[in-house]
Amino acid sequence: MPAVTVVSFGFLHGDPPPAHLTVDLRHHFRDPHVSPELRYMTALDEPVQQAVLGTPGITGLVTAVAAAVDAFTAGPSAGPVTVADGCAGGRHRAPVFAQALADQLAAAGHTVTVQHRDLHRPVVNR
């Protein structure tokens, strides 16, 4: 199977990275940033992971994007595939989604690399 790279990012930190498939998580999924107790945490913290993965629709979207990756990698001229997923700041929804997608793809036999472009950046005040 071709290699898959999953890149999480924040739209507030610049343009999306180049990708075969880009997923925008900003408008349809609950943002942990709005909860004061989660705002300064990141996707590396369990409470943020629980908040994001507990949002209705997220697990279905992970499964749908994994199916899209399978379609890309099954093509006659299939090569490496890049998926970019973004939220506002790149610290909460996008990196949790990226890891969940990577876990599902790896369980299906894909070789997956995960990159978090903006996870290290400070909280965006908005």
C-alpha atoms as a PDB file:
ATOM      1  CA  MET A   1       0.000   0.000   0.000  1.00  0.00           C
ATOM      2  CA  PRO A   2       1.245   3.508  -0.737  1.00  0.00           C
ATOM      3  CA  ALA A   3       2.339   5.603   2.238  1.00  0.00           C
ATOM      4  CA  VAL A   4      -0.124   8.048   3.770  1.00  0.00           C
ATOM      5  CA  THR A   5       0.792  11.337   5.427  1.00  0.00           C
ATOM      6  CA  VAL A   6      -1.754  13.082   7.641  1.00  0.00           C
ATOM      7  CA  VAL A   7      -1.034  16.746   8.397  1.00  0.00           C
ATOM      8  CA  SER A   8      -3.019  18.723  10.969  1.00  0.00           C
ATOM      9  CA  PHE A   9      -2.956  22.509  10.769  1.00  0.00           C
ATOM     10  CA  GLY A  10      -4.688  25.719  11.839  1.00  0.00           C
ATOM     11  CA  PHE A  11      -6.289  27.948   9.218  1.00  0.00           C
ATOM     12  CA  LEU A  12      -5.409  30.997  11.364  1.00  0.00           C
ATOM     13  CA  HIS A  13      -1.701  30.219  10.864  1.00  0.00           C
ATOM     14  CA  GLY A  14      -1.662  30.240   7.079  1.00  0.00           C
ATOM     15  CA  ASP A  15      -2.835  28.410   4.020  1.00  0.00           C
ATOM     16  CA  PRO A  16      -3.585  24.691   4.169  1.00  0.00           C
ATOM     17  CA  PRO A  17      -0.627  22.498   3.269  1.00  0.00           C
ATOM     18  CA  PRO A  18      -0.663  20.805  -0.151  1.00  0.00           C
ATOM     19  CA  ALA A  19      -2.741  17.632   0.008  1.00  0.00           C
ATOM     20  CA  HIS A  20      -4.808  15.224  -2.066  1.00  0.00           C
ATOM     21  CA  LEU A  21      -7.667  15.666   0.388  1.00  0.00           C
ATOM     22  CA  THR A  22      -8.266  18.588   2.785  1.00  0.00           C
ATOM     23  CA  VAL A  23     -10.816  18.382   5.600  1.00  0.00           C
ATOM     24  CA  ASP A  24     -12.114  21.576   7.244  1.00  0.00           C
ATOM     25  CA  LEU A  25     -13.197  20.914  10.834  1.00  0.00           C
ATOM     26  CA  ARG A  26     -13.939  24.533  11.780  1.00  0.00           C
ATOM     27  CA  HIS A  27     -17.665  24.898  11.283  1.00  0.00           C
ATOM     28  CA  HIS A  28     -19.334  21.608  12.081  1.00  0.00           C
ATOM     29  CA  PHE A  29     -17.552  20.325  15.164  1.00  0.00           C
ATOM     30  CA  ARG A  30     -17.406  21.622  18.717  1.00  0.00           C
ATOM     31  CA  ASP A  31     -14.258  23.650  19.444  1.00  0.00           C
ATOM     32  CA  PRO A  32     -12.522  22.878  22.759  1.00  0.00           C
ATOM     33  CA  HIS A  33     -11.098  26.410  22.597  1.00  0.00           C
ATOM     34  CA  VAL A  34     -14.419  27.779  23.840  1.00  0.00           C
ATOM     35  CA  SER A  35     -14.071  25.846  27.122  1.00  0.00           C
ATOM     36  CA  PRO A  36     -11.759  27.785  29.469  1.00  0.00           C
ATOM     37  CA  GLU A  37     -10.569  24.548  31.086  1.00  0.00           C
ATOM     38  CA  LEU A  38      -9.481  23.142  27.680  1.00  0.00           C
ATOM     39  CA  ARG A  39      -8.328  26.297  25.891  1.00  0.00           C
ATOM     40  CA  TYR A  40      -4.670  26.116  26.897  1.00  0.00           C
ATOM     41  CA  MET A  41      -4.431  22.346  26.589  1.00  0.00           C
ATOM     42  CA  THR A  42      -3.590  20.632  23.319  1.00  0.00           C
ATOM     43  CA  ALA A  43      -4.534  17.463  21.492  1.00  0.00           C
ATOM     44  CA  LEU A  44      -1.879  15.702  23.542  1.00  0.00           C
ATOM     45  CA  ASP A  45      -4.078  16.091  26.636  1.00  0.00           C
ATOM     46  CA  GLU A  46      -6.692  13.427  27.363  1.00  0.00           C
ATOM     47  CA  PRO A  47      -9.546  15.874  28.161  1.00  0.00           C
ATOM     48  CA  VAL A  48      -9.137  17.489  24.723  1.00  0.00           C
ATOM     49  CA  GLN A  49      -9.083  14.094  23.033  1.00  0.00           C
ATOM     50  CA  GLN A  50     -12.263  13.081  24.837  1.00  0.00           C
ATOM     51  CA  ALA A  51     -14.008  16.354  23.965  1.00  0.00           C
ATOM     52  CA  VAL A  52     -13.144  16.121  20.271  1.00  0.00           C
ATOM     53  CA  LEU A  53     -13.799  12.399  19.837  1.00  0.00           C
ATOM     54  CA  GLY A  54     -17.053  12.744  21.805  1.00  0.00           C
ATOM     55  CA  THR A  55     -18.390  15.284  19.322  1.00  0.00           C
ATOM     56  CA  PRO A  56     -21.231  13.810  17.242  1.00  0.00           C
ATOM     57  CA  GLY A  57     -20.115  13.109  13.696  1.00  0.00           C
ATOM     58  CA  ILE A  58     -16.359  13.011  14.255  1.00  0.00           C
ATOM     59  CA  THR A  59     -15.947   9.225  14.249  1.00  0.00           C
ATOM     60  CA  GLY A  60     -18.141   8.953  11.157  1.00  0.00           C
ATOM     61  CA  LEU A  61     -15.978  11.531   9.403  1.00  0.00           C
ATOM     62  CA  VAL A  62     -12.805   9.651  10.372  1.00  0.00           C
ATOM     63  CA  THR A  63     -14.281   6.502   8.814  1.00  0.00           C
ATOM     64  CA  ALA A  64     -15.365   8.380   5.665  1.00  0.00           C
ATOM     65  CA  VAL A  65     -11.953   9.988   5.180  1.00  0.00           C
ATOM     66  CA  ALA A  66     -10.261   6.617   5.734  1.00  0.00           C
ATOM     67  CA  ALA A  67     -12.497   5.204   2.981  1.00  0.00           C
ATOM     68  CA  ALA A  68     -11.482   8.080   0.698  1.00  0.00           C
ATOM     69  CA  VAL A  69      -7.812   7.350   1.393  1.00  0.00           C
ATOM     70  CA  ASP A  70      -8.440   3.688   0.506  1.00  0.00           C
ATOM     71  CA  ALA A  71      -9.932   4.853  -2.805  1.00  0.00           C
ATOM     72  CA  PHE A  72      -6.942   7.093  -3.541  1.00  0.00           C
ATOM     73  CA  THR A  73      -4.481   4.291  -2.776  1.00  0.00           C
ATOM     74  CA  ALA A  74      -6.393   1.734  -4.864  1.00  0.00           C
ATOM     75  CA  GLY A  75      -6.114   3.695  -8.099  1.00  0.00           C
ATOM     76  CA  PRO A  76      -4.093   2.352 -11.029  1.00  0.00           C
ATOM     77  CA  SER A  77      -1.398   5.003 -10.600  1.00  0.00           C
ATOM     78  CA  ALA A  78      -1.633   5.187  -6.824  1.00  0.00           C
ATOM     79  CA  GLY A  79       1.275   6.704  -4.995  1.00  0.00           C
ATOM     80  CA  PRO A  80       1.739   8.378  -1.642  1.00  0.00           C
ATOM     81  CA  VAL A  81      -1.370  10.187  -0.375  1.00  0.00           C
ATOM     82  CA  THR A  82      -1.489  13.285   1.815  1.00  0.00           C
ATOM     83  CA  VAL A  83      -4.515  14.243   3.899  1.00  0.00           C
ATOM     84  CA  ALA A  84      -4.610  17.671   5.547  1.00  0.00           C
ATOM     85  CA  ASP A  85      -7.139  18.432   8.258  1.00  0.00           C
ATOM     86  CA  GLY A  86      -7.555  21.849   9.756  1.00  0.00           C
ATOM     87  CA  CYS A  87      -9.325  23.675  12.517  1.00  0.00           C
ATOM     88  CA  ALA A  88      -8.990  27.310  13.595  1.00  0.00           C
ATOM     89  CA  GLY A  89      -5.747  27.210  15.583  1.00  0.00           C
ATOM     90  CA  GLY A  90      -4.442  23.706  14.942  1.00  0.00           C
ATOM     91  CA  ARG A  91      -4.128  22.768  18.624  1.00  0.00           C
ATOM     92  CA  HIS A  92      -7.337  20.829  19.346  1.00  0.00           C
ATOM     93  CA  ARG A  93      -9.697  19.387  16.725  1.00  0.00           C
ATOM     94  CA  ALA A  94      -7.286  18.955  13.820  1.00  0.00           C
ATOM     95  CA  PRO A  95      -4.517  17.073  15.636  1.00  0.00           C
ATOM     96  CA  VAL A  96      -6.980  14.808  17.480  1.00  0.00           C
ATOM     97  CA  PHE A  97      -8.724  14.040  14.182  1.00  0.00           C
ATOM     98  CA  ALA A  98      -5.358  13.440  12.475  1.00  0.00           C
ATOM     99  CA  GLN A  99      -4.312  10.909  15.097  1.00  0.00           C
ATOM    100  CA  ALA A 100      -7.677   9.130  15.012  1.00  0.00           C
ATOM    101  CA  LEU A 101      -7.449   8.910  11.216  1.00  0.00           C
ATOM    102  CA  ALA A 102      -3.868   7.665  11.375  1.00  0.00           C
ATOM    103  CA  ASP A 103      -4.831   5.013  13.926  1.00  0.00           C
ATOM    104  CA  GLN A 104      -7.685   3.777  11.731  1.00  0.00           C
ATOM    105  CA  LEU A 105      -5.512   3.725   8.602  1.00  0.00           C
ATOM    106  CA  ALA A 106      -2.682   1.918  10.388  1.00  0.00           C
ATOM    107  CA  ALA A 107      -5.140  -0.702  11.674  1.00  0.00           C
ATOM    108  CA  ALA A 108      -6.130  -1.268   8.023  1.00  0.00           C
ATOM    109  CA  GLY A 109      -2.505  -1.887   7.051  1.00  0.00           C
ATOM    110  CA  HIS A 110      -1.423   1.527   5.776  1.00  0.00           C
ATOM    111  CA  THR A 111       1.969   2.987   6.609  1.00  0.00           C
ATOM    112  CA  VAL A 112       1.071   6.359   8.121  1.00  0.00           C
ATOM    113  CA  THR A 113       3.066   9.421   9.136  1.00  0.00           C
ATOM    114  CA  VAL A 114       1.408  12.164  11.190  1.00  0.00           C
ATOM    115  CA  GLN A 115       2.586  15.766  11.231  1.00  0.00           C
ATOM    116  CA  HIS A 116       1.112  18.531  13.386  1.00  0.00           C
ATOM    117  CA  ARG A 117       2.069  21.794  11.700  1.00  0.00           C
ATOM    118  CA  ASP A 118       0.628  24.188  14.301  1.00  0.00           C
ATOM    119  CA  LEU A 119       0.195  22.187  17.503  1.00  0.00           C
ATOM    120  CA  HIS A 120       3.184  23.979  19.078  1.00  0.00           C
ATOM    121  CA  ARG A 121       1.867  27.481  18.391  1.00  0.00           C
ATOM    122  CA  PRO A 122       0.382  29.631  21.167  1.00  0.00           C
ATOM    123  CA  VAL A 123      -3.365  29.901  21.649  1.00  0.00           C
ATOM    124  CA  VAL A 124      -4.961  32.306  19.196  1.00  0.00           C
ATOM    125  CA  ASN A 125      -7.002  34.947  20.983  1.00  0.00           C
ATOM    126  CA  ARG A 126     -10.285  35.396  19.168  1.00  0.00           C
END
